[in-house]
């Protein structure tokens, strides 16, 4: 009965981590949980293909369409 009061206090649980692990292993509710593998958010899902500098040079080499729309077509 004394252990029940001790384990109700989360700070007391930090003093006895082996008891917490043993209780987790015996728990029926935890054993019936569904699990799934989640990917970390810091990894890109789409691998980078090609060189970023080549892409930047290609974009810089294209004519600026927006400037043509403002100035009108060149005669």
C-alpha atoms as a PDB file:
ATOM      1  CA  UNK A   1       0.000   0.000   0.000  1.00  0.00           C
ATOM      2  CA  UNK A   2       2.891   2.330   0.699  1.00  0.00           C
ATOM      3  CA  UNK A   3       4.210   1.792  -2.859  1.00  0.00           C
ATOM      4  CA  UNK A   4       0.876   2.916  -4.352  1.00  0.00           C
ATOM      5  CA  UNK A   5       1.188   6.355  -2.728  1.00  0.00           C
ATOM      6  CA  UNK A   6       4.815   6.547  -3.738  1.00  0.00           C
ATOM      7  CA  UNK A   7       4.076   5.778  -7.397  1.00  0.00           C
ATOM      8  CA  UNK A   8       1.177   8.240  -7.571  1.00  0.00           C
ATOM      9  CA  UNK A   9       3.713  11.047  -7.190  1.00  0.00           C
ATOM     10  CA  UNK A  10       5.495  11.619 -10.555  1.00  0.00           C
ATOM     11  CA  UNK A  11       8.580  13.016  -8.804  1.00  0.00           C
ATOM     12  CA  UNK A  12       8.894   9.872  -6.707  1.00  0.00           C
ATOM     13  CA  UNK A  13       8.758   7.826  -9.909  1.00  0.00           C
ATOM     14  CA  UNK A  14      11.915   9.543 -11.126  1.00  0.00           C
ATOM     15  CA  UNK A  15      13.731   8.077  -8.130  1.00  0.00           C
ATOM     16  CA  UNK A  16      12.833   4.499  -9.133  1.00  0.00           C
ATOM     17  CA  UNK A  17      12.980   4.223 -12.947  1.00  0.00           C
ATOM     18  CA  UNK A  18      13.357   0.418 -12.887  1.00  0.00           C
ATOM     19  CA  UNK A  19       9.965   0.096 -11.192  1.00  0.00           C
ATOM     20  CA  UNK A  20       8.428   2.324 -13.862  1.00  0.00           C
ATOM     21  CA  UNK A  21       9.925   0.210 -16.662  1.00  0.00           C
ATOM     22  CA  UNK A  22       8.716  -3.000 -15.003  1.00  0.00           C
ATOM     23  CA  UNK A  23       5.211  -1.569 -14.645  1.00  0.00           C
ATOM     24  CA  UNK A  24       5.206  -0.539 -18.319  1.00  0.00           C
ATOM     25  CA  UNK A  25       6.235  -4.043 -19.391  1.00  0.00           C
ATOM     26  CA  UNK A  26       3.419  -5.603 -17.314  1.00  0.00           C
ATOM     27  CA  UNK A  27       0.753  -3.151 -18.529  1.00  0.00           C
ATOM     28  CA  UNK A  28      -1.961  -4.790 -20.649  1.00  0.00           C
ATOM     29  CA  UNK A  29      -3.183  -1.423 -21.906  1.00  0.00           C
ATOM     30  CA  UNK A  30       0.249  -0.503 -23.222  1.00  0.00           C
ATOM     31  CA  UNK A  31       0.718  -3.923 -24.825  1.00  0.00           C
ATOM     32  CA  UNK A  32      -2.508  -3.514 -26.822  1.00  0.00           C
ATOM     33  CA  UNK A  33      -1.623  -0.125 -28.302  1.00  0.00           C
ATOM     34  CA  UNK A  34      -1.123   0.000 -32.052  1.00  0.00           C
ATOM     35  CA  UNK A  35       2.275   1.199 -33.132  1.00  0.00           C
ATOM     36  CA  UNK A  36       3.498   2.779 -36.339  1.00  0.00           C
ATOM     37  CA  UNK A  37       6.787   4.114 -37.617  1.00  0.00           C
ATOM     38  CA  UNK A  38       6.880   7.865 -38.205  1.00  0.00           C
ATOM     39  CA  UNK A  39       9.558   9.574 -40.237  1.00  0.00           C
ATOM     40  CA  UNK A  40      11.452  12.440 -38.649  1.00  0.00           C
ATOM     41  CA  UNK A  41      10.373  15.840 -39.900  1.00  0.00           C
ATOM     42  CA  UNK A  42      13.912  17.108 -40.365  1.00  0.00           C
ATOM     43  CA  UNK A  43      14.673  14.706 -43.232  1.00  0.00           C
ATOM     44  CA  UNK A  44      13.495  15.650 -46.734  1.00  0.00           C
ATOM     45  CA  UNK A  45      10.937  13.265 -48.192  1.00  0.00           C
ATOM     46  CA  UNK A  46      11.985  14.014 -51.779  1.00  0.00           C
ATOM     47  CA  UNK A  47      15.678  13.507 -52.502  1.00  0.00           C
ATOM     48  CA  UNK A  48      17.476  16.391 -54.173  1.00  0.00           C
ATOM     49  CA  UNK A  49      18.143  15.698 -57.834  1.00  0.00           C
ATOM     50  CA  UNK A  50      20.651  17.756 -59.761  1.00  0.00           C
ATOM     51  CA  UNK A  51      22.745  20.739 -58.903  1.00  0.00           C
ATOM     52  CA  UNK A  52      21.173  23.758 -57.229  1.00  0.00           C
ATOM     53  CA  UNK A  53      23.670  26.124 -58.894  1.00  0.00           C
ATOM     54  CA  UNK A  54      22.698  24.850 -62.346  1.00  0.00           C
ATOM     55  CA  UNK A  55      19.039  25.452 -61.534  1.00  0.00           C
ATOM     56  CA  UNK A  56      19.788  28.988 -60.326  1.00  0.00           C
ATOM     57  CA  UNK A  57      21.740  29.759 -63.504  1.00  0.00           C
ATOM     58  CA  UNK A  58      18.887  28.444 -65.647  1.00  0.00           C
ATOM     59  CA  UNK A  59      16.365  30.650 -63.838  1.00  0.00           C
ATOM     60  CA  UNK A  60      18.644  33.699 -64.116  1.00  0.00           C
ATOM     61  CA  UNK A  61      19.077  33.092 -67.867  1.00  0.00           C
ATOM     62  CA  UNK A  62      15.330  33.068 -68.614  1.00  0.00           C
ATOM     63  CA  UNK A  63      13.793  36.367 -69.745  1.00  0.00           C
ATOM     64  CA  UNK A  64      11.737  38.269 -67.207  1.00  0.00           C
ATOM     65  CA  UNK A  65       8.108  37.884 -68.309  1.00  0.00           C
ATOM     66  CA  UNK A  66       6.799  40.253 -65.672  1.00  0.00           C
ATOM     67  CA  UNK A  67       8.886  43.161 -67.036  1.00  0.00           C
ATOM     68  CA  UNK A  68       7.514  42.482 -70.536  1.00  0.00           C
ATOM     69  CA  UNK A  69       3.948  42.643 -69.238  1.00  0.00           C
ATOM     70  CA  UNK A  70       4.508  46.026 -67.584  1.00  0.00           C
ATOM     71  CA  UNK A  71       6.475  47.665 -70.416  1.00  0.00           C
ATOM     72  CA  UNK A  72       4.438  46.099 -73.198  1.00  0.00           C
ATOM     73  CA  UNK A  73       5.772  44.161 -76.161  1.00  0.00           C
ATOM     74  CA  UNK A  74       8.903  45.456 -77.819  1.00  0.00           C
ATOM     75  CA  UNK A  75       8.392  46.637 -81.430  1.00  0.00           C
END
